[in-house]
Amino acid sequence: MADPALIEQDIARTYALLGGRATMTRPVRNSLEAHDLLLNGLPSPALLHLTKEVGMLSRGSLLDKAIGISLRTLQRRKKDAEPALLSVDQSNRAWKFAEILGRASDIFGSRAEAEAWLERPAIGLDQRRPVDLLATSVGVEAVEHYLTRIEYGVHT
């Protein structure tokens, strides 16, 4: 069973990557609060914050692959008077991307290393780039499993 303190730490890290209180109207301190937030839809400023913080998301079609929204659509939403909410699917994918990036940053020692890892073909993923697998829940599980193997020193 997962350590509740580690789960809260992961949630806090993910919430911060998405802009925290600066982009969201309420705090997220535990899994149930995260669930409620995602079910209602992340506010688009949270994803805008993430794309500003994570340079790789503004290159090519990576944002669309990883989150399911084009950079152009997201930029249009930036101009809206009232911040739009992402769909439940886009919200889940944005949260999961931030969660994986945060975990990879811890494992590799920096966000820059984590971003580089996400974009490199990985032996343990049949030479696929981890970022390309984030479009499906099965792909996400494969990336998370591979990260766990790296964390414990099992690379292949």
Protein backbone atom coordinates (compact mmCIF):
# COMPACT_ATOMS: atom_id res chain seq x y z
CA MET A 1 0.00 0.00 0.00
CA ALA A 2 1.30 3.47 -0.90
CA ASP A 3 2.50 5.78 1.86
CA PRO A 4 -0.14 8.54 2.41
CA ALA A 5 2.60 11.12 3.01
CA LEU A 6 4.19 10.29 -0.37
CA ILE A 7 0.83 10.51 -2.10
CA GLU A 8 0.22 13.96 -0.57
CA GLN A 9 3.73 15.00 -1.64
CA ASP A 10 3.03 13.85 -5.22
CA ILE A 11 -0.27 15.74 -5.23
CA ALA A 12 1.36 18.92 -3.91
CA ARG A 13 4.12 18.69 -6.55
CA THR A 14 1.60 18.13 -9.36
CA TYR A 15 -0.66 20.95 -8.12
CA ALA A 16 2.33 23.31 -8.07
CA LEU A 17 3.38 22.35 -11.63
CA LEU A 18 -0.13 23.30 -12.75
CA GLY A 19 0.17 26.73 -11.12
CA GLY A 20 -1.40 26.02 -7.72
CA ARG A 21 -3.55 28.77 -6.23
CA ALA A 22 -2.44 31.20 -8.95
CA THR A 23 -4.39 29.22 -11.58
CA MET A 24 -6.97 27.28 -9.56
CA THR A 25 -9.70 28.53 -7.27
CA ARG A 26 -9.23 25.98 -4.53
CA PRO A 27 -6.43 24.04 -2.91
CA VAL A 28 -5.82 20.39 -3.67
CA ARG A 29 -4.33 18.54 -0.71
CA ASN A 30 -5.40 14.93 -1.23
CA SER A 31 -6.62 12.42 -3.80
CA LEU A 32 -10.31 13.18 -3.30
CA GLU A 33 -9.81 16.92 -3.80
CA ALA A 34 -7.76 16.17 -6.94
CA HIS A 35 -10.54 13.87 -8.17
CA ASP A 36 -13.18 16.59 -7.67
CA LEU A 37 -11.03 19.18 -9.43
CA LEU A 38 -10.41 16.92 -12.44
CA LEU A 39 -14.04 15.86 -12.63
CA ASN A 40 -15.09 19.50 -12.91
CA GLY A 41 -12.27 20.27 -15.36
CA LEU A 42 -8.98 22.06 -14.84
CA PRO A 43 -9.13 25.75 -15.64
CA SER A 44 -7.27 26.48 -18.87
CA PRO A 45 -4.83 28.84 -17.04
CA ALA A 46 -3.46 25.75 -15.24
CA LEU A 47 -2.47 24.19 -18.57
CA LEU A 48 -1.17 27.52 -19.85
CA HIS A 49 1.04 27.68 -16.75
CA LEU A 50 2.31 24.15 -17.38
CA THR A 51 3.15 24.92 -21.02
CA LYS A 52 5.02 28.06 -19.92
CA GLU A 53 7.00 26.08 -17.33
CA VAL A 54 7.67 23.07 -19.57
CA GLY A 55 9.20 24.26 -22.81
CA MET A 56 8.85 20.93 -24.59
CA LEU A 57 5.03 21.28 -24.58
CA SER A 58 5.17 24.29 -26.88
CA ARG A 59 7.20 22.51 -29.54
CA GLY A 60 5.50 20.77 -32.43
CA SER A 61 2.49 18.67 -31.55
CA LEU A 62 3.70 17.44 -28.14
CA LEU A 63 0.91 19.23 -26.26
CA ASP A 64 -1.71 17.61 -28.47
CA LYS A 65 -0.08 14.17 -28.08
CA ALA A 66 0.35 14.41 -24.32
CA ILE A 67 -2.79 16.33 -23.29
CA GLY A 68 -5.17 16.16 -26.24
CA ILE A 69 -5.39 19.87 -27.03
CA SER A 70 -3.48 21.86 -29.63
CA LEU A 71 -1.31 24.78 -28.62
CA ARG A 72 -3.30 26.98 -30.96
CA THR A 73 -6.61 26.09 -29.23
CA LEU A 74 -5.05 26.68 -25.83
CA GLN A 75 -3.70 30.07 -26.92
CA ARG A 76 -7.17 31.05 -28.16
CA ARG A 77 -8.58 30.18 -24.74
CA LYS A 78 -6.02 32.52 -23.18
CA LYS A 79 -7.81 35.43 -24.85
CA ASP A 80 -11.25 34.47 -23.47
CA ALA A 81 -12.63 36.86 -20.86
CA GLU A 82 -13.73 33.94 -18.66
CA PRO A 83 -11.21 31.09 -18.27
CA ALA A 84 -12.56 27.95 -19.92
CA LEU A 85 -12.44 24.56 -18.29
CA LEU A 86 -10.64 21.66 -19.91
CA SER A 87 -12.60 18.49 -20.58
CA VAL A 88 -12.37 15.71 -18.01
CA ASP A 89 -10.10 13.76 -20.38
CA GLN A 90 -7.80 16.75 -21.00
CA SER A 91 -7.76 17.51 -17.27
CA ASN A 92 -6.80 13.95 -16.41
CA ARG A 93 -4.09 13.90 -19.05
CA ALA A 94 -2.68 17.27 -17.96
CA TRP A 95 -2.63 16.12 -14.32
CA LYS A 96 -0.98 12.81 -15.26
CA PHE A 97 1.63 14.56 -17.41
CA ALA A 98 2.50 16.91 -14.53
CA GLU A 99 2.58 13.97 -12.12
CA ILE A 100 4.95 11.96 -14.34
CA LEU A 101 7.15 14.99 -15.01
CA GLY A 102 7.40 15.70 -11.29
CA ARG A 103 8.27 12.10 -10.49
CA ALA A 104 10.82 11.92 -13.31
CA SER A 105 12.36 15.19 -12.06
CA ASP A 106 12.86 13.61 -8.65
CA ILE A 107 14.35 10.45 -10.14
CA PHE A 108 16.67 12.20 -12.61
CA GLY A 109 17.55 15.12 -10.35
CA SER A 110 16.19 18.02 -12.42
CA ARG A 111 13.27 19.03 -14.57
CA ALA A 112 15.58 19.53 -17.56
CA GLU A 113 16.78 15.93 -17.28
CA ALA A 114 13.19 14.71 -16.89
CA GLU A 115 12.07 16.60 -20.00
CA ALA A 116 15.01 15.21 -21.96
CA TRP A 117 14.12 11.69 -20.78
CA LEU A 118 10.49 12.13 -21.86
CA GLU A 119 11.64 13.01 -25.39
CA ARG A 120 14.29 10.29 -25.84
CA PRO A 121 13.57 6.79 -27.16
CA ALA A 122 13.76 4.37 -24.23
CA ILE A 123 15.14 0.84 -24.42
CA GLY A 124 12.61 -0.40 -21.87
CA LEU A 125 9.76 1.03 -23.97
CA ASP A 126 10.77 -0.62 -27.26
CA GLN A 127 12.62 2.53 -28.33
CA ARG A 128 9.49 4.63 -28.00
CA ARG A 129 9.62 8.09 -26.47
CA PRO A 130 7.79 8.19 -23.12
CA VAL A 131 5.93 11.37 -24.15
CA ASP A 132 4.43 9.53 -27.14
CA LEU A 133 2.88 6.93 -24.84
CA LEU A 134 0.97 9.42 -22.69
CA ALA A 135 -2.06 9.52 -25.00
CA THR A 136 -3.57 6.33 -23.51
CA SER A 137 -3.99 4.99 -20.00
CA VAL A 138 -2.12 1.81 -20.98
CA GLY A 139 0.78 3.88 -22.32
CA VAL A 140 0.80 5.95 -19.13
CA GLU A 141 1.00 2.74 -17.08
CA ALA A 142 3.94 1.56 -19.20
CA VAL A 143 5.78 4.85 -18.60
CA GLU A 144 5.05 4.76 -14.86
CA HIS A 145 6.20 1.15 -14.64
CA TYR A 146 9.39 2.01 -16.52
CA LEU A 147 10.03 4.96 -14.18
CA THR A 148 9.66 2.63 -11.20
CA ARG A 149 12.17 0.23 -12.74
CA ILE A 150 14.63 3.10 -13.28
CA GLU A 151 14.07 4.31 -9.72
CA TYR A 152 15.00 0.88 -8.38
CA GLY A 153 17.90 0.36 -10.77
CA VAL A 154 16.27 -2.05 -13.25
CA HIS A 155 16.67 -0.33 -16.64
CA THR A 156 15.57 -2.99 -19.12
